Amino acid sequence: MTIHQTCQAAQAAACPLCGPGPCACHGTHLARIARARADQLITAGDFASVIADADVFTGTTVVIDPEVTR
């Protein structure tokens, strides 16, 4: 799954910071992606691909979907 597909799949999970609907940060909070993993909407591999390039991250880290123009 691409990062774009992972971010799209994560939209089905409520963001612990923003609630349902899109994240207010113009991206997807990592907390929402983690919730999507916990809800089995994405795989562990999908989650790992999102954080692969991050040196440091928290639940408030914003993942920018590379296929969405803001």
PDB file of N, CA and C in Angstrom:
ATOM      1  N   MET A   1       0.843  -1.168   0.000  1.00  0.00           N
ATOM      2  CA  MET A   1       0.000   0.000   0.000  1.00  0.00           C
ATOM      3  C   MET A   1       0.898   1.244   0.000  1.00  0.00           C
ATOM      4  N   THR A   2       0.563   2.237  -0.784  1.00  0.00           N
ATOM      5  CA  THR A   2       1.333   3.483  -0.807  1.00  0.00           C
ATOM      6  C   THR A   2       0.974   4.347   0.410  1.00  0.00           C
ATOM      7  N   ILE A   3       1.755   5.374   0.657  1.00  0.00           N
ATOM      8  CA  ILE A   3       1.425   6.293   1.752  1.00  0.00           C
ATOM      9  C   ILE A   3       0.074   6.941   1.493  1.00  0.00           C
ATOM     10  N   HIS A   4      -0.196   7.277   0.249  1.00  0.00           N
ATOM     11  CA  HIS A   4      -1.494   7.846  -0.111  1.00  0.00           C
ATOM     12  C   HIS A   4      -2.625   6.881   0.260  1.00  0.00           C
ATOM     13  N   GLN A   5      -2.499   5.628  -0.116  1.00  0.00           N
ATOM     14  CA  GLN A   5      -3.532   4.636   0.193  1.00  0.00           C
ATOM     15  C   GLN A   5      -3.667   4.428   1.697  1.00  0.00           C
ATOM     16  N   THR A   6      -2.551   4.455   2.411  1.00  0.00           N
ATOM     17  CA  THR A   6      -2.588   4.301   3.860  1.00  0.00           C
ATOM     18  C   THR A   6      -3.310   5.474   4.507  1.00  0.00           C
ATOM     19  N   CYS A   7      -3.004   6.693   4.069  1.00  0.00           N
ATOM     20  CA  CYS A   7      -3.693   7.875   4.599  1.00  0.00           C
ATOM     21  C   CYS A   7      -5.185   7.821   4.296  1.00  0.00           C
ATOM     22  N   GLN A   8      -5.534   7.371   3.103  1.00  0.00           N
ATOM     23  CA  GLN A   8      -6.947   7.256   2.734  1.00  0.00           C
ATOM     24  C   GLN A   8      -7.649   6.214   3.606  1.00  0.00           C
ATOM     25  N   ALA A   9      -7.008   5.071   3.821  1.00  0.00           N
ATOM     26  CA  ALA A   9      -7.605   4.020   4.646  1.00  0.00           C
ATOM     27  C   ALA A   9      -7.753   4.489   6.094  1.00  0.00           C
ATOM     28  N   ALA A  10      -6.812   5.293   6.559  1.00  0.00           N
ATOM     29  CA  ALA A  10      -6.858   5.780   7.936  1.00  0.00           C
ATOM     30  C   ALA A  10      -8.019   6.730   8.179  1.00  0.00           C
ATOM     31  N   GLN A  11      -8.559   7.323   7.140  1.00  0.00           N
ATOM     32  CA  GLN A  11      -9.686   8.246   7.302  1.00  0.00           C
ATOM     33  C   GLN A  11     -10.917   7.550   7.885  1.00  0.00           C
ATOM     34  N   ALA A  12     -10.983   6.229   7.781  1.00  0.00           N
ATOM     35  CA  ALA A  12     -12.107   5.476   8.346  1.00  0.00           C
ATOM     36  C   ALA A  12     -12.011   5.387   9.867  1.00  0.00           C
ATOM     37  N   ALA A  13     -10.853   5.690  10.424  1.00  0.00           N
ATOM     38  CA  ALA A  13     -10.665   5.682  11.879  1.00  0.00           C
ATOM     39  C   ALA A  13     -10.778   7.116  12.395  1.00  0.00           C
ATOM     40  N   ALA A  14     -11.355   7.286  13.564  1.00  0.00           N
ATOM     41  CA  ALA A  14     -11.426   8.621  14.159  1.00  0.00           C
ATOM     42  C   ALA A  14     -10.046   9.015  14.663  1.00  0.00           C
ATOM     43  N   CYS A  15      -9.690  10.251  14.444  1.00  0.00           N
ATOM     44  CA  CYS A  15      -8.413  10.762  14.939  1.00  0.00           C
ATOM     45  C   CYS A  15      -8.561  11.051  16.432  1.00  0.00           C
ATOM     46  N   PRO A  16      -7.664  10.532  17.275  1.00  0.00           N
ATOM     47  CA  PRO A  16      -7.741  10.826  18.701  1.00  0.00           C
ATOM     48  C   PRO A  16      -7.589  12.326  19.014  1.00  0.00           C
ATOM     49  N   LEU A  17      -7.011  13.079  18.091  1.00  0.00           N
ATOM     50  CA  LEU A  17      -6.806  14.509  18.299  1.00  0.00           C
ATOM     51  C   LEU A  17      -7.901  15.361  17.661  1.00  0.00           C
ATOM     52  N   CYS A  18      -8.388  14.953  16.486  1.00  0.00           N
ATOM     53  CA  CYS A  18      -9.346  15.765  15.721  1.00  0.00           C
ATOM     54  C   CYS A  18     -10.757  15.179  15.694  1.00  0.00           C
ATOM     55  N   GLY A  19     -10.907  13.914  16.061  1.00  0.00           N
ATOM     56  CA  GLY A  19     -12.207  13.253  15.999  1.00  0.00           C
ATOM     57  C   GLY A  19     -12.479  12.737  14.590  1.00  0.00           C
ATOM     58  N   PRO A  20     -13.756  12.500  14.291  1.00  0.00           N
ATOM     59  CA  PRO A  20     -14.090  12.013  12.949  1.00  0.00           C
ATOM     60  C   PRO A  20     -13.908  13.128  11.909  1.00  0.00           C
ATOM     61  N   GLY A  21     -13.844  12.744  10.666  1.00  0.00           N
ATOM     62  CA  GLY A  21     -13.633  13.719   9.603  1.00  0.00           C
ATOM     63  C   GLY A  21     -12.156  13.961   9.402  1.00  0.00           C
ATOM     64  N   PRO A  22     -11.804  14.851   8.476  1.00  0.00           N
ATOM     65  CA  PRO A  22     -10.393  15.094   8.178  1.00  0.00           C
ATOM     66  C   PRO A  22      -9.667  15.722   9.366  1.00  0.00           C
ATOM     67  N   CYS A  23      -8.386  15.466   9.462  1.00  0.00           N
ATOM     68  CA  CYS A  23      -7.569  16.111  10.483  1.00  0.00           C
ATOM     69  C   CYS A  23      -7.479  17.605  10.165  1.00  0.00           C
ATOM     70  N   ALA A  24      -7.451  18.410  11.207  1.00  0.00           N
ATOM     71  CA  ALA A  24      -7.428  19.866  11.051  1.00  0.00           C
ATOM     72  C   ALA A  24      -6.063  20.397  10.621  1.00  0.00           C
ATOM     73  N   CYS A  25      -5.070  19.522  10.534  1.00  0.00           N
ATOM     74  CA  CYS A  25      -3.693  19.951  10.308  1.00  0.00           C
ATOM     75  C   CYS A  25      -3.266  19.919   8.833  1.00  0.00           C
ATOM     76  N   HIS A  26      -4.185  19.687   7.918  1.00  0.00           N
ATOM     77  CA  HIS A  26      -3.870  19.586   6.492  1.00  0.00           C
ATOM     78  C   HIS A  26      -2.972  18.398   6.183  1.00  0.00           C
ATOM     79  N   GLY A  27      -3.157  17.355   6.893  1.00  0.00           N
ATOM     80  CA  GLY A  27      -2.444  16.101   6.718  1.00  0.00           C
ATOM     81  C   GLY A  27      -3.189  15.036   7.509  1.00  0.00           C
ATOM     82  N   THR A  28      -2.498  13.998   7.909  1.00  0.00           N
ATOM     83  CA  THR A  28      -3.098  12.953   8.723  1.00  0.00           C
ATOM     84  C   THR A  28      -2.214  12.751   9.939  1.00  0.00           C
ATOM     85  N   HIS A  29      -2.795  12.919  11.128  1.00  0.00           N
ATOM     86  CA  HIS A  29      -2.005  12.695  12.333  1.00  0.00           C
ATOM     87  C   HIS A  29      -1.578  11.236  12.408  1.00  0.00           C
ATOM     88  N   LEU A  30      -0.361  11.028  12.845  1.00  0.00           N
ATOM     89  CA  LEU A  30       0.129   9.670  13.030  1.00  0.00           C
ATOM     90  C   LEU A  30      -0.749   8.919  14.026  1.00  0.00           C
ATOM     91  N   ALA A  31      -1.343   9.623  14.958  1.00  0.00           N
ATOM     92  CA  ALA A  31      -2.257   8.995  15.918  1.00  0.00           C
ATOM     93  C   ALA A  31      -3.444   8.350  15.200  1.00  0.00           C
ATOM     94  N   ARG A  32      -3.953   8.983  14.140  1.00  0.00           N
ATOM     95  CA  ARG A  32      -5.060   8.406  13.363  1.00  0.00           C
ATOM     96  C   ARG A  32      -4.593   7.152  12.637  1.00  0.00           C
ATOM     97  N   ILE A  33      -3.381   7.209  12.093  1.00  0.00           N
ATOM     98  CA  ILE A  33      -2.848   6.044  11.386  1.00  0.00           C
ATOM     99  C   ILE A  33      -2.622   4.898  12.363  1.00  0.00           C
ATOM    100  N   ALA A  34      -2.153   5.223  13.579  1.00  0.00           N
ATOM    101  CA  ALA A  34      -1.984   4.190  14.600  1.00  0.00           C
ATOM    102  C   ALA A  34      -3.342   3.602  14.996  1.00  0.00           C
ATOM    103  N   ARG A  35      -4.364   4.441  15.090  1.00  0.00           N
ATOM    104  CA  ARG A  35      -5.709   3.956  15.402  1.00  0.00           C
ATOM    105  C   ARG A  35      -6.213   3.047  14.280  1.00  0.00           C
ATOM    106  N   ALA A  36      -5.924   3.427  13.046  1.00  0.00           N
ATOM    107  CA  ALA A  36      -6.323   2.582  11.900  1.00  0.00           C
ATOM    108  C   ALA A  36      -5.629   1.229  11.978  1.00  0.00           C
ATOM    109  N   ARG A  37      -4.390   1.218  12.432  1.00  0.00           N
ATOM    110  CA  ARG A  37      -3.680  -0.059  12.609  1.00  0.00           C
ATOM    111  C   ARG A  37      -4.336  -0.881  13.718  1.00  0.00           C
ATOM    112  N   ALA A  38      -4.660  -0.245  14.822  1.00  0.00           N
ATOM    113  CA  ALA A  38      -5.306  -0.939  15.940  1.00  0.00           C
ATOM    114  C   ALA A  38      -6.678  -1.487  15.535  1.00  0.00           C
ATOM    115  N   ASP A  39      -7.363  -0.753  14.665  1.00  0.00           N
ATOM    116  CA  ASP A  39      -8.684  -1.185  14.174  1.00  0.00           C
ATOM    117  C   ASP A  39      -8.577  -2.158  13.002  1.00  0.00           C
ATOM    118  N   GLN A  40      -7.347  -2.542  12.641  1.00  0.00           N
ATOM    119  CA  GLN A  40      -7.063  -3.476  11.550  1.00  0.00           C
ATOM    120  C   GLN A  40      -7.537  -2.968  10.189  1.00  0.00           C
ATOM    121  N   LEU A  41      -7.514  -1.648  10.017  1.00  0.00           N
ATOM    122  CA  LEU A  41      -7.835  -1.050   8.722  1.00  0.00           C
ATOM    123  C   LEU A  41      -6.616  -1.043   7.810  1.00  0.00           C
ATOM    124  N   ILE A  42      -5.425  -1.071   8.432  1.00  0.00           N
ATOM    125  CA  ILE A  42      -4.172  -1.159   7.700  1.00  0.00           C
ATOM    126  C   ILE A  42      -3.310  -2.226   8.383  1.00  0.00           C
ATOM    127  N   THR A  43      -2.296  -2.694   7.685  1.00  0.00           N
ATOM    128  CA  THR A  43      -1.418  -3.727   8.238  1.00  0.00           C
ATOM    129  C   THR A  43      -0.243  -3.095   8.989  1.00  0.00           C
ATOM    130  N   ALA A  44       0.458  -3.934   9.725  1.00  0.00           N
ATOM    131  CA  ALA A  44       1.670  -3.473  10.411  1.00  0.00           C
ATOM    132  C   ALA A  44       2.695  -2.978   9.396  1.00  0.00           C
ATOM    133  N   GLY A  45       2.769  -3.638   8.243  1.00  0.00           N
ATOM    134  CA  GLY A  45       3.682  -3.212   7.184  1.00  0.00           C
ATOM    135  C   GLY A  45       3.322  -1.844   6.636  1.00  0.00           C
ATOM    136  N   ASP A  46       2.016  -1.576   6.492  1.00  0.00           N
ATOM    137  CA  ASP A  46       1.573  -0.254   6.028  1.00  0.00           C
ATOM    138  C   ASP A  46       1.995   0.818   7.024  1.00  0.00           C
ATOM    139  N   PHE A  47       1.787   0.538   8.314  1.00  0.00           N
ATOM    140  CA  PHE A  47       2.178   1.489   9.352  1.00  0.00           C
ATOM    141  C   PHE A  47       3.684   1.712   9.330  1.00  0.00           C
ATOM    142  N   ALA A  48       4.435   0.636   9.195  1.00  0.00           N
ATOM    143  CA  ALA A  48       5.898   0.725   9.161  1.00  0.00           C
ATOM    144  C   ALA A  48       6.373   1.561   7.979  1.00  0.00           C
ATOM    145  N   SER A  49       5.707   1.453   6.835  1.00  0.00           N
ATOM    146  CA  SER A  49       6.132   2.224   5.665  1.00  0.00           C
ATOM    147  C   SER A  49       5.925   3.720   5.879  1.00  0.00           C
ATOM    148  N   VAL A  50       4.923   4.087   6.679  1.00  0.00           N
ATOM    149  CA  VAL A  50       4.667   5.498   6.951  1.00  0.00           C
ATOM    150  C   VAL A  50       5.751   6.076   7.849  1.00  0.00           C
ATOM    151  N   ILE A  51       6.202   5.315   8.835  1.00  0.00           N
ATOM    152  CA  ILE A  51       7.181   5.848   9.782  1.00  0.00           C
ATOM    153  C   ILE A  51       8.623   5.508   9.422  1.00  0.00           C
ATOM    154  N   ALA A  52       8.842   4.839   8.320  1.00  0.00           N
ATOM    155  CA  ALA A  52      10.180   4.362   7.946  1.00  0.00           C
ATOM    156  C   ALA A  52      11.222   5.478   7.880  1.00  0.00           C
ATOM    157  N   ASP A  53      10.869   6.638   7.398  1.00  0.00           N
ATOM    158  CA  ASP A  53      11.838   7.720   7.226  1.00  0.00           C
ATOM    159  C   ASP A  53      11.880   8.692   8.401  1.00  0.00           C
ATOM    160  N   ALA A  54      11.035   8.461   9.394  1.00  0.00           N
ATOM    161  CA  ALA A  54      10.981   9.369  10.542  1.00  0.00           C
ATOM    162  C   ALA A  54      12.025   8.972  11.579  1.00  0.00           C
ATOM    163  N   ASP A  55      12.810   9.934  12.015  1.00  0.00           N
ATOM    164  CA  ASP A  55      13.780   9.673  13.080  1.00  0.00           C
ATOM    165  C   ASP A  55      13.091   9.754  14.442  1.00  0.00           C
ATOM    166  N   VAL A  56      12.260  10.758  14.604  1.00  0.00           N
ATOM    167  CA  VAL A  56      11.535  10.988  15.847  1.00  0.00           C
ATOM    168  C   VAL A  56      10.099  11.310  15.480  1.00  0.00           C
ATOM    169  N   PHE A  57       9.147  10.748  16.216  1.00  0.00           N
ATOM    170  CA  PHE A  57       7.748  11.051  15.938  1.00  0.00           C
ATOM    171  C   PHE A  57       6.925  10.847  17.195  1.00  0.00           C
ATOM    172  N   THR A  58       5.765  11.491  17.212  1.00  0.00           N
ATOM    173  CA  THR A  58       4.786  11.330  18.287  1.00  0.00           C
ATOM    174  C   THR A  58       3.427  11.146  17.637  1.00  0.00           C
ATOM    175  N   GLY A  59       2.395  10.993  18.434  1.00  0.00           N
ATOM    176  CA  GLY A  59       1.046  10.883  17.892  1.00  0.00           C
ATOM    177  C   GLY A  59       0.589  12.148  17.189  1.00  0.00           C
ATOM    178  N   THR A  60       1.196  13.286  17.554  1.00  0.00           N
ATOM    179  CA  THR A  60       0.819  14.545  16.915  1.00  0.00           C
ATOM    180  C   THR A  60       1.584  14.809  15.626  1.00  0.00           C
ATOM    181  N   THR A  61       2.519  13.927  15.294  1.00  0.00           N
ATOM    182  CA  THR A  61       3.242  14.052  14.028  1.00  0.00           C
ATOM    183  C   THR A  61       2.243  14.010  12.879  1.00  0.00           C
ATOM    184  N   VAL A  62       2.435  14.891  11.914  1.00  0.00           N
ATOM    185  CA  VAL A  62       1.545  14.973  10.760  1.00  0.00           C
ATOM    186  C   VAL A  62       2.190  14.277   9.571  1.00  0.00           C
ATOM    187  N   VAL A  63       1.453  13.373   8.967  1.00  0.00           N
ATOM    188  CA  VAL A  63       1.895  12.685   7.760  1.00  0.00           C
ATOM    189  C   VAL A  63       1.273  13.423   6.581  1.00  0.00           C
ATOM    190  N   ILE A  64       2.116  13.918   5.703  1.00  0.00           N
ATOM    191  CA  ILE A  64       1.641  14.629   4.518  1.00  0.00           C
ATOM    192  C   ILE A  64       1.505  13.626   3.385  1.00  0.00           C
ATOM    193  N   ASP A  65       0.310  13.540   2.838  1.00  0.00           N
ATOM    194  CA  ASP A  65       0.028  12.638   1.734  1.00  0.00           C
ATOM    195  C   ASP A  65       0.681  13.223   0.481  1.00  0.00           C
ATOM    196  N   PRO A  66       1.646  12.528  -0.111  1.00  0.00           N
ATOM    197  CA  PRO A  66       2.371  13.085  -1.256  1.00  0.00           C
ATOM    198  C   PRO A  66       1.515  13.226  -2.517  1.00  0.00           C
ATOM    199  N   GLU A  67       0.357  12.604  -2.539  1.00  0.00           N
ATOM    200  CA  GLU A  67      -0.494  12.669  -3.724  1.00  0.00           C
ATOM    201  C   GLU A  67      -1.639  13.656  -3.593  1.00  0.00           C
ATOM    202  N   VAL A  68      -1.677  14.425  -2.503  1.00  0.00           N
ATOM    203  CA  VAL A  68      -2.742  15.398  -2.298  1.00  0.00           C
ATOM    204  C   VAL A  68      -2.133  16.786  -2.377  1.00  0.00           C
ATOM    205  N   THR A  69      -2.686  17.616  -3.235  1.00  0.00           N
ATOM    206  CA  THR A  69      -2.246  18.993  -3.368  1.00  0.00           C
ATOM    207  C   THR A  69      -3.012  19.838  -2.354  1.00  0.00           C
ATOM    208  N   ARG A  70      -2.310  20.594  -1.592  1.00  0.00           N
ATOM    209  CA  ARG A  70      -2.941  21.403  -0.545  1.00  0.00           C
ATOM    210  C   ARG A  70      -2.957  22.847  -0.945  1.00  0.00           C
TER     211      ARG A  70
END
